[in-house]
């Protein structure tokens, strides 16, 4: 049971670290939440899309490792290097004051259909989502062995929690997340998580 909880917690932390980065998708969800427009649909699309991509990463990378055990070493080194790179970039943002923050202003969604289509485009047409969700999460999950699906569930729950908080809690979170200082704190936590995971992944390869 303790190993299962550890794997789920690791998945939750890794997934959250990748999701909270400033981006168009987060800004769109926050904007919809502030305006209270199609929030349930937008949150559902983001969370379900992430769950599908996570399953693709966990299953795809996991199947590759089963077919070729030596792939675990290769995936571990590549995934670890990416995580260390991400961690270094997040640390740089945290240490160097900037003006980045989520913007809630912008063009209104106009309709539920438009909001849904925009959300789908931002999720599935973003090349970074495949690197983050499919490859990086998949490579870290592969290191969990038989508990990789538990890890994946933890990551999917993190996605659901984040987007639900961002969408439904926008009235409260919006005031905080539009401050650059808040993102420096988040980037610091993300950097620490990424670097620890990267080192762990490489050490276990």
C-alpha atoms as a PDB file:
ATOM      1  CA  UNK A   1       0.000   0.000   0.000  1.00  0.00           C
ATOM      2  CA  UNK A   2       2.823   2.420   0.877  1.00  0.00           C
ATOM      3  CA  UNK A   3       4.490   1.850  -2.501  1.00  0.00           C
ATOM      4  CA  UNK A   4       1.173   2.458  -4.270  1.00  0.00           C
ATOM      5  CA  UNK A   5       0.595   5.727  -2.420  1.00  0.00           C
ATOM      6  CA  UNK A   6       4.172   6.799  -3.105  1.00  0.00           C
ATOM      7  CA  UNK A   7       3.772   6.141  -6.830  1.00  0.00           C
ATOM      8  CA  UNK A   8       0.439   8.009  -6.909  1.00  0.00           C
ATOM      9  CA  UNK A   9       1.930  10.952  -5.001  1.00  0.00           C
ATOM     10  CA  UNK A  10       4.923  11.028  -7.354  1.00  0.00           C
ATOM     11  CA  UNK A  11       2.567  11.085 -10.331  1.00  0.00           C
ATOM     12  CA  UNK A  12       0.518  13.873  -8.765  1.00  0.00           C
ATOM     13  CA  UNK A  13       3.598  15.997  -8.081  1.00  0.00           C
ATOM     14  CA  UNK A  14       5.146  15.410 -11.495  1.00  0.00           C
ATOM     15  CA  UNK A  15       1.905  16.077 -13.335  1.00  0.00           C
ATOM     16  CA  UNK A  16       1.246  19.256 -11.388  1.00  0.00           C
ATOM     17  CA  UNK A  17       4.774  20.518 -12.013  1.00  0.00           C
ATOM     18  CA  UNK A  18       4.342  20.169 -15.775  1.00  0.00           C
ATOM     19  CA  UNK A  19       0.804  21.595 -15.912  1.00  0.00           C
ATOM     20  CA  UNK A  20       1.202  24.792 -13.879  1.00  0.00           C
ATOM     21  CA  UNK A  21       3.677  26.427 -16.267  1.00  0.00           C
ATOM     22  CA  UNK A  22       2.406  29.705 -17.705  1.00  0.00           C
ATOM     23  CA  UNK A  23       0.787  29.100 -21.057  1.00  0.00           C
ATOM     24  CA  UNK A  24      -2.085  29.906 -23.370  1.00  0.00           C
ATOM     25  CA  UNK A  25      -4.183  27.012 -22.099  1.00  0.00           C
ATOM     26  CA  UNK A  26      -3.957  28.101 -18.455  1.00  0.00           C
ATOM     27  CA  UNK A  27      -4.694  31.692 -19.405  1.00  0.00           C
ATOM     28  CA  UNK A  28      -7.739  30.593 -21.406  1.00  0.00           C
ATOM     29  CA  UNK A  29      -9.129  28.463 -18.548  1.00  0.00           C
ATOM     30  CA  UNK A  30      -8.591  31.295 -16.077  1.00  0.00           C
ATOM     31  CA  UNK A  31     -10.255  33.775 -18.436  1.00  0.00           C
ATOM     32  CA  UNK A  32     -13.280  31.506 -18.866  1.00  0.00           C
ATOM     33  CA  UNK A  33     -13.491  31.099 -15.097  1.00  0.00           C
ATOM     34  CA  UNK A  34     -13.369  34.822 -14.419  1.00  0.00           C
ATOM     35  CA  UNK A  35     -16.137  35.389 -16.979  1.00  0.00           C
ATOM     36  CA  UNK A  36     -18.053  32.264 -15.885  1.00  0.00           C
ATOM     37  CA  UNK A  37     -18.430  31.078 -19.468  1.00  0.00           C
ATOM     38  CA  UNK A  38     -18.552  27.343 -20.326  1.00  0.00           C
ATOM     39  CA  UNK A  39     -16.367  26.560 -17.305  1.00  0.00           C
ATOM     40  CA  UNK A  40     -17.497  22.945 -16.890  1.00  0.00           C
ATOM     41  CA  UNK A  41     -16.961  22.158 -20.571  1.00  0.00           C
ATOM     42  CA  UNK A  42     -13.517  23.784 -20.672  1.00  0.00           C
ATOM     43  CA  UNK A  43     -12.307  22.141 -17.448  1.00  0.00           C
ATOM     44  CA  UNK A  44     -13.673  18.782 -18.602  1.00  0.00           C
ATOM     45  CA  UNK A  45     -11.918  19.006 -21.980  1.00  0.00           C
ATOM     46  CA  UNK A  46      -8.572  19.946 -20.418  1.00  0.00           C
ATOM     47  CA  UNK A  47      -8.690  17.249 -17.731  1.00  0.00           C
ATOM     48  CA  UNK A  48      -9.975  14.490 -20.040  1.00  0.00           C
ATOM     49  CA  UNK A  49      -7.455  15.376 -22.763  1.00  0.00           C
ATOM     50  CA  UNK A  50      -4.609  15.227 -20.251  1.00  0.00           C
ATOM     51  CA  UNK A  51      -5.867  11.862 -18.947  1.00  0.00           C
ATOM     52  CA  UNK A  52      -5.880  10.450 -22.491  1.00  0.00           C
ATOM     53  CA  UNK A  53      -2.410  11.815 -23.252  1.00  0.00           C
ATOM     54  CA  UNK A  54      -1.055  10.523 -19.946  1.00  0.00           C
ATOM     55  CA  UNK A  55      -2.494   7.073 -20.698  1.00  0.00           C
ATOM     56  CA  UNK A  56      -0.857   7.213 -24.134  1.00  0.00           C
ATOM     57  CA  UNK A  57       2.486   8.118 -22.570  1.00  0.00           C
ATOM     58  CA  UNK A  58       2.334   5.542 -19.774  1.00  0.00           C
ATOM     59  CA  UNK A  59       1.112   2.782 -22.097  1.00  0.00           C
ATOM     60  CA  UNK A  60       3.331   3.652 -25.049  1.00  0.00           C
ATOM     61  CA  UNK A  61       6.601   4.106 -23.207  1.00  0.00           C
ATOM     62  CA  UNK A  62       5.748   1.193 -20.912  1.00  0.00           C
ATOM     63  CA  UNK A  63       5.120  -1.119 -23.876  1.00  0.00           C
ATOM     64  CA  UNK A  64       8.426  -0.059 -25.443  1.00  0.00           C
ATOM     65  CA  UNK A  65      10.272  -0.899 -22.223  1.00  0.00           C
ATOM     66  CA  UNK A  66       8.591  -4.331 -22.027  1.00  0.00           C
ATOM     67  CA  UNK A  67       9.525  -5.062 -25.642  1.00  0.00           C
ATOM     68  CA  UNK A  68      13.081  -3.783 -25.220  1.00  0.00           C
ATOM     69  CA  UNK A  69      14.303  -3.662 -21.588  1.00  0.00           C
ATOM     70  CA  UNK A  70      17.330  -1.614 -22.621  1.00  0.00           C
ATOM     71  CA  UNK A  71      14.949   1.190 -23.580  1.00  0.00           C
ATOM     72  CA  UNK A  72      14.442   2.000 -19.900  1.00  0.00           C
ATOM     73  CA  UNK A  73      18.033   3.214 -19.662  1.00  0.00           C
ATOM     74  CA  UNK A  74      17.745   5.321 -22.819  1.00  0.00           C
ATOM     75  CA  UNK A  75      14.373   6.767 -21.807  1.00  0.00           C
ATOM     76  CA  UNK A  76      15.680   7.420 -18.308  1.00  0.00           C
ATOM     77  CA  UNK A  77      18.659   9.432 -19.513  1.00  0.00           C
ATOM     78  CA  UNK A  78      16.702  11.397 -22.119  1.00  0.00           C
ATOM     79  CA  UNK A  79      13.751  12.033 -19.810  1.00  0.00           C
ATOM     80  CA  UNK A  80      16.067  12.963 -16.940  1.00  0.00           C
ATOM     81  CA  UNK A  81      17.960  15.413 -19.147  1.00  0.00           C
ATOM     82  CA  UNK A  82      14.696  17.055 -20.237  1.00  0.00           C
ATOM     83  CA  UNK A  83      13.502  17.328 -16.640  1.00  0.00           C
ATOM     84  CA  UNK A  84      16.793  18.897 -15.547  1.00  0.00           C
ATOM     85  CA  UNK A  85      16.512  21.346 -18.442  1.00  0.00           C
ATOM     86  CA  UNK A  86      12.951  22.251 -17.478  1.00  0.00           C
ATOM     87  CA  UNK A  87      14.029  22.612 -13.861  1.00  0.00           C
ATOM     88  CA  UNK A  88      16.882  24.939 -14.816  1.00  0.00           C
ATOM     89  CA  UNK A  89      14.527  27.141 -16.851  1.00  0.00           C
ATOM     90  CA  UNK A  90      12.002  27.275 -14.006  1.00  0.00           C
ATOM     91  CA  UNK A  91      14.785  28.129 -11.534  1.00  0.00           C
ATOM     92  CA  UNK A  92      15.947  30.917 -13.818  1.00  0.00           C
ATOM     93  CA  UNK A  93      12.430  32.373 -13.956  1.00  0.00           C
ATOM     94  CA  UNK A  94      12.128  32.121 -10.174  1.00  0.00           C
ATOM     95  CA  UNK A  95      15.476  33.829  -9.507  1.00  0.00           C
ATOM     96  CA  UNK A  96      15.166  36.484 -12.196  1.00  0.00           C
ATOM     97  CA  UNK A  97      12.314  38.946 -11.566  1.00  0.00           C
ATOM     98  CA  UNK A  98      10.013  39.267 -14.527  1.00  0.00           C
ATOM     99  CA  UNK A  99       6.620  40.564 -15.479  1.00  0.00           C
ATOM    100  CA  UNK A 100       5.063  37.266 -16.549  1.00  0.00           C
ATOM    101  CA  UNK A 101       1.606  36.465 -15.231  1.00  0.00           C
ATOM    102  CA  UNK A 102      -1.629  35.051 -16.483  1.00  0.00           C
ATOM    103  CA  UNK A 103      -3.721  37.605 -18.325  1.00  0.00           C
ATOM    104  CA  UNK A 104      -7.485  37.425 -18.006  1.00  0.00           C
ATOM    105  CA  UNK A 105      -8.209  40.180 -20.493  1.00  0.00           C
ATOM    106  CA  UNK A 106      -8.752  39.420 -24.140  1.00  0.00           C
ATOM    107  CA  UNK A 107     -11.413  38.538 -26.605  1.00  0.00           C
ATOM    108  CA  UNK A 108     -14.525  36.989 -25.121  1.00  0.00           C
ATOM    109  CA  UNK A 109     -15.309  33.396 -26.032  1.00  0.00           C
ATOM    110  CA  UNK A 110     -18.683  34.447 -27.454  1.00  0.00           C
ATOM    111  CA  UNK A 111     -20.349  31.029 -27.266  1.00  0.00           C
ATOM    112  CA  UNK A 112     -19.991  27.602 -25.729  1.00  0.00           C
ATOM    113  CA  UNK A 113     -19.143  26.121 -29.136  1.00  0.00           C
ATOM    114  CA  UNK A 114     -16.387  28.637 -29.733  1.00  0.00           C
ATOM    115  CA  UNK A 115     -14.998  28.093 -26.230  1.00  0.00           C
ATOM    116  CA  UNK A 116     -14.950  24.320 -26.755  1.00  0.00           C
ATOM    117  CA  UNK A 117     -13.242  24.565 -30.153  1.00  0.00           C
ATOM    118  CA  UNK A 118     -10.666  27.032 -28.820  1.00  0.00           C
ATOM    119  CA  UNK A 119      -9.930  24.783 -25.854  1.00  0.00           C
ATOM    120  CA  UNK A 120      -9.528  21.710 -28.081  1.00  0.00           C
ATOM    121  CA  UNK A 121      -7.171  23.595 -30.392  1.00  0.00           C
ATOM    122  CA  UNK A 122      -5.028  24.901 -27.521  1.00  0.00           C
ATOM    123  CA  UNK A 123      -4.778  21.409 -26.076  1.00  0.00           C
ATOM    124  CA  UNK A 124      -4.297  19.123 -29.076  1.00  0.00           C
ATOM    125  CA  UNK A 125      -2.491  21.463 -31.477  1.00  0.00           C
ATOM    126  CA  UNK A 126       0.166  22.438 -28.943  1.00  0.00           C
ATOM    127  CA  UNK A 127       3.366  20.434 -29.673  1.00  0.00           C
ATOM    128  CA  UNK A 128       4.652  20.977 -26.130  1.00  0.00           C
ATOM    129  CA  UNK A 129       1.783  18.984 -24.658  1.00  0.00           C
ATOM    130  CA  UNK A 130       3.050  15.840 -26.388  1.00  0.00           C
ATOM    131  CA  UNK A 131       6.575  16.323 -25.099  1.00  0.00           C
ATOM    132  CA  UNK A 132       5.407  17.097 -21.547  1.00  0.00           C
ATOM    133  CA  UNK A 133       2.476  14.745 -21.104  1.00  0.00           C
ATOM    134  CA  UNK A 134       3.333  11.846 -23.381  1.00  0.00           C
ATOM    135  CA  UNK A 135       7.126  11.609 -23.332  1.00  0.00           C
ATOM    136  CA  UNK A 136       8.215  13.152 -20.027  1.00  0.00           C
ATOM    137  CA  UNK A 137       5.425  11.697 -17.898  1.00  0.00           C
ATOM    138  CA  UNK A 138       5.689   8.436 -19.803  1.00  0.00           C
ATOM    139  CA  UNK A 139       9.422   8.181 -19.162  1.00  0.00           C
ATOM    140  CA  UNK A 140       9.075   8.932 -15.447  1.00  0.00           C
ATOM    141  CA  UNK A 141       6.171   6.478 -15.206  1.00  0.00           C
ATOM    142  CA  UNK A 142       8.234   3.745 -16.885  1.00  0.00           C
ATOM    143  CA  UNK A 143      10.715   4.041 -14.026  1.00  0.00           C
ATOM    144  CA  UNK A 144       7.907   3.029 -11.644  1.00  0.00           C
ATOM    145  CA  UNK A 145       7.720  -0.458 -13.167  1.00  0.00           C
ATOM    146  CA  UNK A 146       4.453  -2.269 -12.337  1.00  0.00           C
ATOM    147  CA  UNK A 147       3.176   0.839 -10.537  1.00  0.00           C
ATOM    148  CA  UNK A 148       3.408   3.027 -13.650  1.00  0.00           C
ATOM    149  CA  UNK A 149      -0.380   3.121 -14.070  1.00  0.00           C
ATOM    150  CA  UNK A 150      -0.787   4.202 -10.454  1.00  0.00           C
ATOM    151  CA  UNK A 151       1.696   6.979 -11.224  1.00  0.00           C
ATOM    152  CA  UNK A 152      -0.359   7.889 -14.299  1.00  0.00           C
ATOM    153  CA  UNK A 153      -3.578   8.049 -12.261  1.00  0.00           C
ATOM    154  CA  UNK A 154      -1.856  10.414  -9.834  1.00  0.00           C
ATOM    155  CA  UNK A 155      -0.807  12.661 -12.720  1.00  0.00           C
ATOM    156  CA  UNK A 156      -4.345  12.636 -14.171  1.00  0.00           C
ATOM    157  CA  UNK A 157      -5.808  13.580 -10.779  1.00  0.00           C
ATOM    158  CA  UNK A 158      -3.322  16.459 -10.555  1.00  0.00           C
ATOM    159  CA  UNK A 159      -4.517  17.719 -13.933  1.00  0.00           C
ATOM    160  CA  UNK A 160      -8.160  17.534 -12.863  1.00  0.00           C
ATOM    161  CA  UNK A 161      -7.447  19.332  -9.577  1.00  0.00           C
ATOM    162  CA  UNK A 162      -5.442  22.090 -11.264  1.00  0.00           C
ATOM    163  CA  UNK A 163      -7.905  22.873 -14.032  1.00  0.00           C
ATOM    164  CA  UNK A 164     -10.887  22.647 -11.668  1.00  0.00           C
ATOM    165  CA  UNK A 165      -9.191  25.049  -9.258  1.00  0.00           C
ATOM    166  CA  UNK A 166      -8.218  27.371 -12.099  1.00  0.00           C
ATOM    167  CA  UNK A 167     -11.665  27.374 -13.695  1.00  0.00           C
ATOM    168  CA  UNK A 168     -14.034  27.251 -10.736  1.00  0.00           C
ATOM    169  CA  UNK A 169     -11.757  29.153  -8.367  1.00  0.00           C
ATOM    170  CA  UNK A 170     -10.857  31.841 -10.895  1.00  0.00           C
ATOM    171  CA  UNK A 171     -12.526  34.598  -8.898  1.00  0.00           C
ATOM    172  CA  UNK A 172     -10.137  33.912  -6.014  1.00  0.00           C
ATOM    173  CA  UNK A 173      -7.088  32.537  -7.846  1.00  0.00           C
ATOM    174  CA  UNK A 174      -7.249  35.147 -10.590  1.00  0.00           C
ATOM    175  CA  UNK A 175      -6.196  37.956  -8.263  1.00  0.00           C
ATOM    176  CA  UNK A 176      -3.207  35.941  -7.072  1.00  0.00           C
ATOM    177  CA  UNK A 177      -2.131  34.350 -10.367  1.00  0.00           C
ATOM    178  CA  UNK A 178      -2.028  37.687 -12.187  1.00  0.00           C
ATOM    179  CA  UNK A 179       0.856  38.742  -9.934  1.00  0.00           C
ATOM    180  CA  UNK A 180       4.364  37.987 -11.268  1.00  0.00           C
ATOM    181  CA  UNK A 181       5.577  37.297  -7.702  1.00  0.00           C
ATOM    182  CA  UNK A 182       3.124  34.415  -7.376  1.00  0.00           C
ATOM    183  CA  UNK A 183       4.610  32.723 -10.432  1.00  0.00           C
ATOM    184  CA  UNK A 184       8.116  33.129  -9.034  1.00  0.00           C
ATOM    185  CA  UNK A 185       7.017  31.079  -6.018  1.00  0.00           C
ATOM    186  CA  UNK A 186       5.389  28.436  -8.249  1.00  0.00           C
ATOM    187  CA  UNK A 187       8.434  28.338 -10.524  1.00  0.00           C
ATOM    188  CA  UNK A 188      10.654  27.774  -7.505  1.00  0.00           C
ATOM    189  CA  UNK A 189       8.570  24.766  -6.445  1.00  0.00           C
ATOM    190  CA  UNK A 190       8.461  23.458 -10.014  1.00  0.00           C
ATOM    191  CA  UNK A 191      12.244  23.818 -10.364  1.00  0.00           C
ATOM    192  CA  UNK A 192      12.903  21.858  -7.164  1.00  0.00           C
ATOM    193  CA  UNK A 193      10.507  19.086  -8.185  1.00  0.00           C
ATOM    194  CA  UNK A 194      11.891  18.812 -11.723  1.00  0.00           C
ATOM    195  CA  UNK A 195      15.532  18.720 -10.659  1.00  0.00           C
ATOM    196  CA  UNK A 196      14.914  16.070  -7.999  1.00  0.00           C
ATOM    197  CA  UNK A 197      12.923  13.933 -10.461  1.00  0.00           C
ATOM    198  CA  UNK A 198      15.558  14.388 -13.191  1.00  0.00           C
ATOM    199  CA  UNK A 199      18.397  13.316 -10.924  1.00  0.00           C
ATOM    200  CA  UNK A 200      16.358  10.371  -9.628  1.00  0.00           C
ATOM    201  CA  UNK A 201      15.461   9.242 -13.137  1.00  0.00           C
ATOM    202  CA  UNK A 202      19.071   9.375 -14.358  1.00  0.00           C
ATOM    203  CA  UNK A 203      20.404   7.705 -11.204  1.00  0.00           C
ATOM    204  CA  UNK A 204      17.975   4.830 -11.621  1.00  0.00           C
ATOM    205  CA  UNK A 205      18.801   4.274 -15.297  1.00  0.00           C
END
